[in-house]
All heavy atoms as atom14 arrays in JSON, in Angstrom:
{
  "sequence": "QRSHLRFDLHALIGGQLDEDEAPCMYLVYPEGNW",
  "atom14_mask": [
    [1, 1, 1, 1, 1, 1, 1, 1, 1, 0, 0, 0, 0, 0],
    [1, 1, 1, 1, 1, 1, 1, 1, 1, 1, 1, 0, 0, 0],
    [1, 1, 1, 1, 1, 1, 0, 0, 0, 0, 0, 0, 0, 0],
    [1, 1, 1, 1, 1, 1, 1, 1, 1, 1, 0, 0, 0, 0],
    [1, 1, 1, 1, 1, 1, 1, 1, 0, 0, 0, 0, 0, 0],
    [1, 1, 1, 1, 1, 1, 1, 1, 1, 1, 1, 0, 0, 0],
    [1, 1, 1, 1, 1, 1, 1, 1, 1, 1, 1, 0, 0, 0],
    [1, 1, 1, 1, 1, 1, 1, 1, 0, 0, 0, 0, 0, 0],
    [1, 1, 1, 1, 1, 1, 1, 1, 0, 0, 0, 0, 0, 0],
    [1, 1, 1, 1, 1, 1, 1, 1, 1, 1, 0, 0, 0, 0],
    [1, 1, 1, 1, 1, 0, 0, 0, 0, 0, 0, 0, 0, 0],
    [1, 1, 1, 1, 1, 1, 1, 1, 0, 0, 0, 0, 0, 0],
    [1, 1, 1, 1, 1, 1, 1, 1, 0, 0, 0, 0, 0, 0],
    [1, 1, 1, 1, 0, 0, 0, 0, 0, 0, 0, 0, 0, 0],
    [1, 1, 1, 1, 0, 0, 0, 0, 0, 0, 0, 0, 0, 0],
    [1, 1, 1, 1, 1, 1, 1, 1, 1, 0, 0, 0, 0, 0],
    [1, 1, 1, 1, 1, 1, 1, 1, 0, 0, 0, 0, 0, 0],
    [1, 1, 1, 1, 1, 1, 1, 1, 0, 0, 0, 0, 0, 0],
    [1, 1, 1, 1, 1, 1, 1, 1, 1, 0, 0, 0, 0, 0],
    [1, 1, 1, 1, 1, 1, 1, 1, 0, 0, 0, 0, 0, 0],
    [1, 1, 1, 1, 1, 1, 1, 1, 1, 0, 0, 0, 0, 0],
    [1, 1, 1, 1, 1, 0, 0, 0, 0, 0, 0, 0, 0, 0],
    [1, 1, 1, 1, 1, 1, 1, 0, 0, 0, 0, 0, 0, 0],
    [1, 1, 1, 1, 1, 1, 0, 0, 0, 0, 0, 0, 0, 0],
    [1, 1, 1, 1, 1, 1, 1, 1, 0, 0, 0, 0, 0, 0],
    [1, 1, 1, 1, 1, 1, 1, 1, 1, 1, 1, 1, 0, 0],
    [1, 1, 1, 1, 1, 1, 1, 1, 0, 0, 0, 0, 0, 0],
    [1, 1, 1, 1, 1, 1, 1, 0, 0, 0, 0, 0, 0, 0],
    [1, 1, 1, 1, 1, 1, 1, 1, 1, 1, 1, 1, 0, 0],
    [1, 1, 1, 1, 1, 1, 1, 0, 0, 0, 0, 0, 0, 0],
    [1, 1, 1, 1, 1, 1, 1, 1, 1, 0, 0, 0, 0, 0],
    [1, 1, 1, 1, 0, 0, 0, 0, 0, 0, 0, 0, 0, 0],
    [1, 1, 1, 1, 1, 1, 1, 1, 0, 0, 0, 0, 0, 0],
    [1, 1, 1, 1, 1, 1, 1, 1, 1, 1, 1, 1, 1, 1]
  ],
  "atom14_positions": [
    [[-101.88, 25.4, 152.95], [-103.18, 25.27, 153.6], [-104.31, 25.57, 152.63], [-105.33, 24.87, 152.61], [-103.26, 26.21, 154.81], [-102.33, 25.85, 155.95], [-102.68, 24.54, 156.61], [-103.83, 24.29, 156.94], [-101.69, 23.67, 156.79], [0.0, 0.0, 0.0], [0.0, 0.0, 0.0], [0.0, 0.0, 0.0], [0.0, 0.0, 0.0], [0.0, 0.0, 0.0]],
    [[-104.13, 26.59, 151.8], [-105.17, 26.93, 150.82], [-105.36, 25.82, 149.79], [-106.44, 25.66, 149.23], [-104.82, 28.24, 150.11], [-104.96, 29.47, 151.0], [-104.92, 30.75, 150.17], [-103.66, 30.92, 149.46], [-102.61, 31.56, 149.96], [-102.67, 32.09, 151.18], [-101.5, 31.69, 149.25], [0.0, 0.0, 0.0], [0.0, 0.0, 0.0], [0.0, 0.0, 0.0]],
    [[-104.31, 25.06, 149.54], [-104.37, 23.95, 148.59], [-104.71, 22.63, 149.27], [-104.66, 21.57, 148.62], [-103.03, 23.82, 147.86], [-102.72, 25.0, 147.14], [0.0, 0.0, 0.0], [0.0, 0.0, 0.0], [0.0, 0.0, 0.0], [0.0, 0.0, 0.0], [0.0, 0.0, 0.0], [0.0, 0.0, 0.0], [0.0, 0.0, 0.0], [0.0, 0.0, 0.0]],
    [[-105.03, 22.68, 150.56], [-105.39, 21.5, 151.35], [-104.23, 20.49, 151.4], [-104.43, 19.27, 151.35], [-106.65, 20.83, 150.79], [-107.82, 21.76, 150.69], [-108.51, 22.23, 151.79], [-108.39, 22.33, 149.6], [-109.47, 23.03, 151.39], [-109.43, 23.12, 150.07], [0.0, 0.0, 0.0], [0.0, 0.0, 0.0], [0.0, 0.0, 0.0], [0.0, 0.0, 0.0]],
    [[-103.02, 21.01, 151.49], [-101.82, 20.19, 151.64], [-101.22, 20.42, 153.02], [-101.37, 21.5, 153.6], [-100.79, 20.53, 150.56], [-101.22, 20.26, 149.11], [-100.18, 20.82, 148.14], [-101.44, 18.78, 148.87], [0.0, 0.0, 0.0], [0.0, 0.0, 0.0], [0.0, 0.0, 0.0], [0.0, 0.0, 0.0], [0.0, 0.0, 0.0], [0.0, 0.0, 0.0]],
    [[-100.53, 19.42, 153.52], [-99.93, 19.5, 154.84], [-98.44, 19.8, 154.75], [-97.76, 19.3, 153.86], [-100.13, 18.18, 155.6], [-101.57, 17.84, 155.9], [-101.65, 16.44, 156.47], [-100.77, 16.28, 157.63], [-100.2, 15.14, 157.97], [-100.38, 14.06, 157.21], [-99.43, 15.06, 159.03], [0.0, 0.0, 0.0], [0.0, 0.0, 0.0], [0.0, 0.0, 0.0]],
    [[-97.96, 20.59, 155.7], [-96.51, 20.78, 155.85], [-96.02, 19.6, 156.68], [-96.04, 19.63, 157.92], [-96.23, 22.11, 156.55], [-94.78, 22.51, 156.49], [-94.31, 23.28, 155.45], [-93.87, 22.08, 157.46], [-92.96, 23.65, 155.38], [-92.54, 22.44, 157.4], [-92.08, 23.23, 156.36], [0.0, 0.0, 0.0], [0.0, 0.0, 0.0], [0.0, 0.0, 0.0]],
    [[-95.58, 18.55, 156.0], [-95.41, 17.24, 156.65], [-94.0, 16.68, 156.53], [-93.82, 15.46, 156.56], [-96.4, 16.25, 156.06], [-96.22, 16.06, 154.55], [-95.45, 16.82, 153.94], [-96.84, 15.13, 154.0], [0.0, 0.0, 0.0], [0.0, 0.0, 0.0], [0.0, 0.0, 0.0], [0.0, 0.0, 0.0], [0.0, 0.0, 0.0], [0.0, 0.0, 0.0]],
    [[-93.0, 17.54, 156.41], [-91.64, 17.06, 156.18], [-91.01, 16.51, 157.46], [-90.77, 17.25, 158.42], [-90.76, 18.18, 155.62], [-89.38, 17.73, 155.13], [-89.51, 16.82, 153.92], [-88.51, 18.94, 154.79], [0.0, 0.0, 0.0], [0.0, 0.0, 0.0], [0.0, 0.0, 0.0], [0.0, 0.0, 0.0], [0.0, 0.0, 0.0], [0.0, 0.0, 0.0]],
    [[-90.74, 15.21, 157.47], [-89.97, 14.56, 158.53], [-88.59, 14.22, 157.98], [-88.44, 13.94, 156.78], [-90.65, 13.28, 159.0], [-91.93, 13.51, 159.73], [-93.11, 13.89, 159.1], [-92.24, 13.4, 161.06], [-94.07, 14.0, 160.0], [-93.58, 13.72, 161.19], [0.0, 0.0, 0.0], [0.0, 0.0, 0.0], [0.0, 0.0, 0.0], [0.0, 0.0, 0.0]],
    [[-87.6, 14.21, 158.83], [-86.23, 13.92, 158.38], [-85.5, 13.05, 159.39], [-85.69, 13.18, 160.62], [-85.44, 15.21, 158.16], [0.0, 0.0, 0.0], [0.0, 0.0, 0.0], [0.0, 0.0, 0.0], [0.0, 0.0, 0.0], [0.0, 0.0, 0.0], [0.0, 0.0, 0.0], [0.0, 0.0, 0.0], [0.0, 0.0, 0.0], [0.0, 0.0, 0.0]],
    [[-84.68, 12.16, 158.87], [-83.7, 11.41, 159.66], [-82.32, 11.9, 159.26], [-81.97, 11.86, 158.08], [-83.83, 9.91, 159.4], [-85.1, 9.23, 159.92], [-85.22, 7.83, 159.34], [-85.11, 9.18, 161.45], [0.0, 0.0, 0.0], [0.0, 0.0, 0.0], [0.0, 0.0, 0.0], [0.0, 0.0, 0.0], [0.0, 0.0, 0.0], [0.0, 0.0, 0.0]],
    [[-81.56, 12.38, 160.23], [-80.25, 12.98, 159.95], [-79.2, 12.23, 160.77], [-79.3, 12.13, 161.99], [-80.24, 14.49, 160.31], [-81.32, 15.21, 159.51], [-78.87, 15.09, 160.06], [-81.43, 16.7, 159.83], [0.0, 0.0, 0.0], [0.0, 0.0, 0.0], [0.0, 0.0, 0.0], [0.0, 0.0, 0.0], [0.0, 0.0, 0.0], [0.0, 0.0, 0.0]],
    [[-78.2, 11.69, 160.07], [-77.2, 10.88, 160.75], [-75.79, 11.21, 160.3], [-75.57, 11.73, 159.2], [0.0, 0.0, 0.0], [0.0, 0.0, 0.0], [0.0, 0.0, 0.0], [0.0, 0.0, 0.0], [0.0, 0.0, 0.0], [0.0, 0.0, 0.0], [0.0, 0.0, 0.0], [0.0, 0.0, 0.0], [0.0, 0.0, 0.0], [0.0, 0.0, 0.0]],
    [[-74.83, 10.87, 161.14], [-73.42, 11.1, 160.82], [-72.59, 11.21, 162.09], [-73.04, 10.86, 163.18], [0.0, 0.0, 0.0], [0.0, 0.0, 0.0], [0.0, 0.0, 0.0], [0.0, 0.0, 0.0], [0.0, 0.0, 0.0], [0.0, 0.0, 0.0], [0.0, 0.0, 0.0], [0.0, 0.0, 0.0], [0.0, 0.0, 0.0], [0.0, 0.0, 0.0]],
    [[-71.4, 11.75, 161.92], [-70.49, 11.91, 163.05], [-69.52, 13.05, 162.76], [-68.83, 13.03, 161.74], [-69.71, 10.61, 163.31], [-68.81, 10.65, 164.53], [-68.12, 9.32, 164.79], [-68.15, 8.43, 163.95], [-67.49, 9.18, 165.95], [0.0, 0.0, 0.0], [0.0, 0.0, 0.0], [0.0, 0.0, 0.0], [0.0, 0.0, 0.0], [0.0, 0.0, 0.0]],
    [[-69.5, 14.03, 163.66], [-68.55, 15.13, 163.55], [-67.44, 14.94, 164.59], [-67.42, 13.95, 165.32], [-69.26, 16.47, 163.72], [-70.38, 16.76, 162.7], [-70.88, 18.19, 162.84], [-69.96, 16.46, 161.27], [0.0, 0.0, 0.0], [0.0, 0.0, 0.0], [0.0, 0.0, 0.0], [0.0, 0.0, 0.0], [0.0, 0.0, 0.0], [0.0, 0.0, 0.0]],
    [[-66.52, 15.9, 164.67], [-65.28, 15.71, 165.42], [-65.5, 15.32, 166.88], [-64.79, 14.46, 167.41], [-64.43, 16.99, 165.36], [-63.81, 17.2, 163.99], [-63.58, 16.2, 163.29], [-63.58, 18.36, 163.61], [0.0, 0.0, 0.0], [0.0, 0.0, 0.0], [0.0, 0.0, 0.0], [0.0, 0.0, 0.0], [0.0, 0.0, 0.0], [0.0, 0.0, 0.0]],
    [[-66.45, 15.96, 167.54], [-66.62, 15.73, 168.98], [-67.73, 14.73, 169.3], [-68.02, 14.51, 170.49], [-66.87, 17.06, 169.69], [-65.66, 17.99, 169.64], [-65.85, 19.26, 170.47], [-66.79, 19.29, 171.3], [-65.09, 20.21, 170.26], [0.0, 0.0, 0.0], [0.0, 0.0, 0.0], [0.0, 0.0, 0.0], [0.0, 0.0, 0.0], [0.0, 0.0, 0.0]],
    [[-68.34, 14.14, 168.29], [-69.29, 13.06, 168.54], [-68.52, 11.8, 168.91], [-67.65, 11.36, 168.16], [-70.15, 12.8, 167.3], [-71.13, 13.92, 167.02], [-71.79, 14.38, 167.96], [-71.23, 14.33, 165.84], [0.0, 0.0, 0.0], [0.0, 0.0, 0.0], [0.0, 0.0, 0.0], [0.0, 0.0, 0.0], [0.0, 0.0, 0.0], [0.0, 0.0, 0.0]],
    [[-68.84, 11.22, 170.04], [-68.12, 10.03, 170.49], [-68.37, 8.83, 169.59], [-67.54, 7.94, 169.48], [-68.51, 9.7, 171.93], [-68.06, 10.75, 172.94], [-68.41, 10.36, 174.36], [-68.98, 9.25, 174.54], [-68.11, 11.13, 175.28], [0.0, 0.0, 0.0], [0.0, 0.0, 0.0], [0.0, 0.0, 0.0], [0.0, 0.0, 0.0], [0.0, 0.0, 0.0]],
    [[-69.52, 8.79, 168.95], [-69.9, 7.69, 168.07], [-70.85, 8.23, 167.02], [-71.38, 9.34, 167.15], [-70.56, 6.58, 168.87], [0.0, 0.0, 0.0], [0.0, 0.0, 0.0], [0.0, 0.0, 0.0], [0.0, 0.0, 0.0], [0.0, 0.0, 0.0], [0.0, 0.0, 0.0], [0.0, 0.0, 0.0], [0.0, 0.0, 0.0], [0.0, 0.0, 0.0]],
    [[-71.08, 7.49, 165.95], [-72.08, 7.91, 164.97], [-73.43, 8.08, 165.65], [-73.81, 7.31, 166.53], [-72.1, 6.76, 163.96], [-70.77, 6.11, 164.09], [-70.41, 6.23, 165.54], [0.0, 0.0, 0.0], [0.0, 0.0, 0.0], [0.0, 0.0, 0.0], [0.0, 0.0, 0.0], [0.0, 0.0, 0.0], [0.0, 0.0, 0.0], [0.0, 0.0, 0.0]],
    [[-74.18, 9.1, 165.23], [-75.46, 9.38, 165.86], [-76.51, 9.71, 164.8], [-76.18, 9.97, 163.64], [-75.33, 10.52, 166.88], [-74.42, 11.96, 166.29], [0.0, 0.0, 0.0], [0.0, 0.0, 0.0], [0.0, 0.0, 0.0], [0.0, 0.0, 0.0], [0.0, 0.0, 0.0], [0.0, 0.0, 0.0], [0.0, 0.0, 0.0], [0.0, 0.0, 0.0]],
    [[-77.76, 9.69, 165.22], [-78.85, 9.95, 164.3], [-80.0, 10.61, 165.04], [-80.26, 10.31, 166.22], [-79.32, 8.65, 163.63], [-80.38, 8.86, 162.55], [-80.69, 7.36, 161.58], [-79.14, 7.25, 160.66], [0.0, 0.0, 0.0], [0.0, 0.0, 0.0], [0.0, 0.0, 0.0], [0.0, 0.0, 0.0], [0.0, 0.0, 0.0], [0.0, 0.0, 0.0]],
    [[-80.7, 11.51, 164.32], [-81.8, 12.27, 164.9], [-83.01, 12.21, 163.98], [-82.88, 12.19, 162.75], [-81.39, 13.73, 165.09], [-80.23, 13.94, 166.02], [-78.91, 13.84, 165.56], [-80.43, 14.25, 167.36], [-77.84, 14.03, 166.41], [-79.35, 14.45, 168.22], [-78.06, 14.34, 167.73], [-77.0, 14.53, 168.58], [0.0, 0.0, 0.0], [0.0, 0.0, 0.0]],
    [[-84.18, 12.21, 164.61], [-85.44, 12.38, 163.89], [-85.91, 13.81, 164.11], [-86.07, 14.24, 165.26], [-86.49, 11.39, 164.41], [-87.94, 11.61, 163.98], [-88.09, 11.53, 162.46], [-88.87, 10.62, 164.66], [0.0, 0.0, 0.0], [0.0, 0.0, 0.0], [0.0, 0.0, 0.0], [0.0, 0.0, 0.0], [0.0, 0.0, 0.0], [0.0, 0.0, 0.0]],
    [[-86.11, 14.54, 163.01], [-86.54, 15.94, 163.07], [-87.97, 16.03, 162.56], [-88.28, 15.6, 161.44], [-85.62, 16.86, 162.25], [-86.04, 18.32, 162.45], [-84.16, 16.66, 162.65], [0.0, 0.0, 0.0], [0.0, 0.0, 0.0], [0.0, 0.0, 0.0], [0.0, 0.0, 0.0], [0.0, 0.0, 0.0], [0.0, 0.0, 0.0], [0.0, 0.0, 0.0]],
    [[-88.85, 16.61, 163.37], [-90.26, 16.74, 163.03], [-90.51, 17.99, 162.19], [-89.66, 18.9, 162.13], [-91.09, 16.78, 164.31], [-91.04, 15.49, 165.1], [-90.16, 15.34, 166.18], [-91.86, 14.41, 164.76], [-90.11, 14.16, 166.91], [-91.81, 13.23, 165.49], [-90.93, 13.11, 166.55], [-90.87, 11.95, 167.26], [0.0, 0.0, 0.0], [0.0, 0.0, 0.0]],
    [[-91.69, 18.08, 161.55], [-91.99, 19.26, 160.71], [-91.95, 20.58, 161.49], [-91.69, 21.64, 160.89], [-93.41, 18.98, 160.19], [-93.55, 17.5, 160.24], [-92.76, 17.06, 161.43], [0.0, 0.0, 0.0], [0.0, 0.0, 0.0], [0.0, 0.0, 0.0], [0.0, 0.0, 0.0], [0.0, 0.0, 0.0], [0.0, 0.0, 0.0], [0.0, 0.0, 0.0]],
    [[-92.18, 20.53, 162.81], [-92.15, 21.75, 163.61], [-90.73, 22.22, 163.93], [-90.54, 23.31, 164.45], [-92.92, 21.51, 164.91], [-94.4, 21.23, 164.71], [-94.7, 19.81, 164.27], [-93.77, 18.95, 164.33], [-95.84, 19.53, 163.87], [0.0, 0.0, 0.0], [0.0, 0.0, 0.0], [0.0, 0.0, 0.0], [0.0, 0.0, 0.0], [0.0, 0.0, 0.0]],
    [[-89.72, 21.36, 163.64], [-88.34, 21.72, 163.9], [-87.79, 21.13, 165.18], [-86.59, 21.27, 165.45], [0.0, 0.0, 0.0], [0.0, 0.0, 0.0], [0.0, 0.0, 0.0], [0.0, 0.0, 0.0], [0.0, 0.0, 0.0], [0.0, 0.0, 0.0], [0.0, 0.0, 0.0], [0.0, 0.0, 0.0], [0.0, 0.0, 0.0], [0.0, 0.0, 0.0]],
    [[-88.63, 20.51, 166.01], [-88.1, 19.83, 167.2], [-87.57, 18.46, 166.81], [-87.89, 17.93, 165.75], [-89.17, 19.71, 168.29], [-90.44, 19.05, 167.78], [-90.81, 19.19, 166.62], [-91.12, 18.32, 168.63], [0.0, 0.0, 0.0], [0.0, 0.0, 0.0], [0.0, 0.0, 0.0], [0.0, 0.0, 0.0], [0.0, 0.0, 0.0], [0.0, 0.0, 0.0]],
    [[-86.74, 17.88, 167.67], [-86.08, 16.64, 167.28], [-85.85, 15.73, 168.49], [-85.9, 16.17, 169.64], [-84.74, 16.91, 166.58], [-83.81, 17.88, 167.27], [-83.68, 19.21, 166.99], [-82.88, 17.6, 168.33], [-82.72, 19.77, 167.81], [-82.22, 18.82, 168.64], [-82.55, 16.45, 169.05], [-81.25, 18.9, 169.63], [-81.58, 16.53, 170.04], [-80.93, 17.75, 170.31]]
  ]
}
């Protein structure tokens, strides 16, 4: 904030673990909600 920069990290996270019925993907916002 002091450098006039934004905490703006967005992420797309995808894959499939053992109990996922199918491959899945999530959008995660900078606040941590998805």
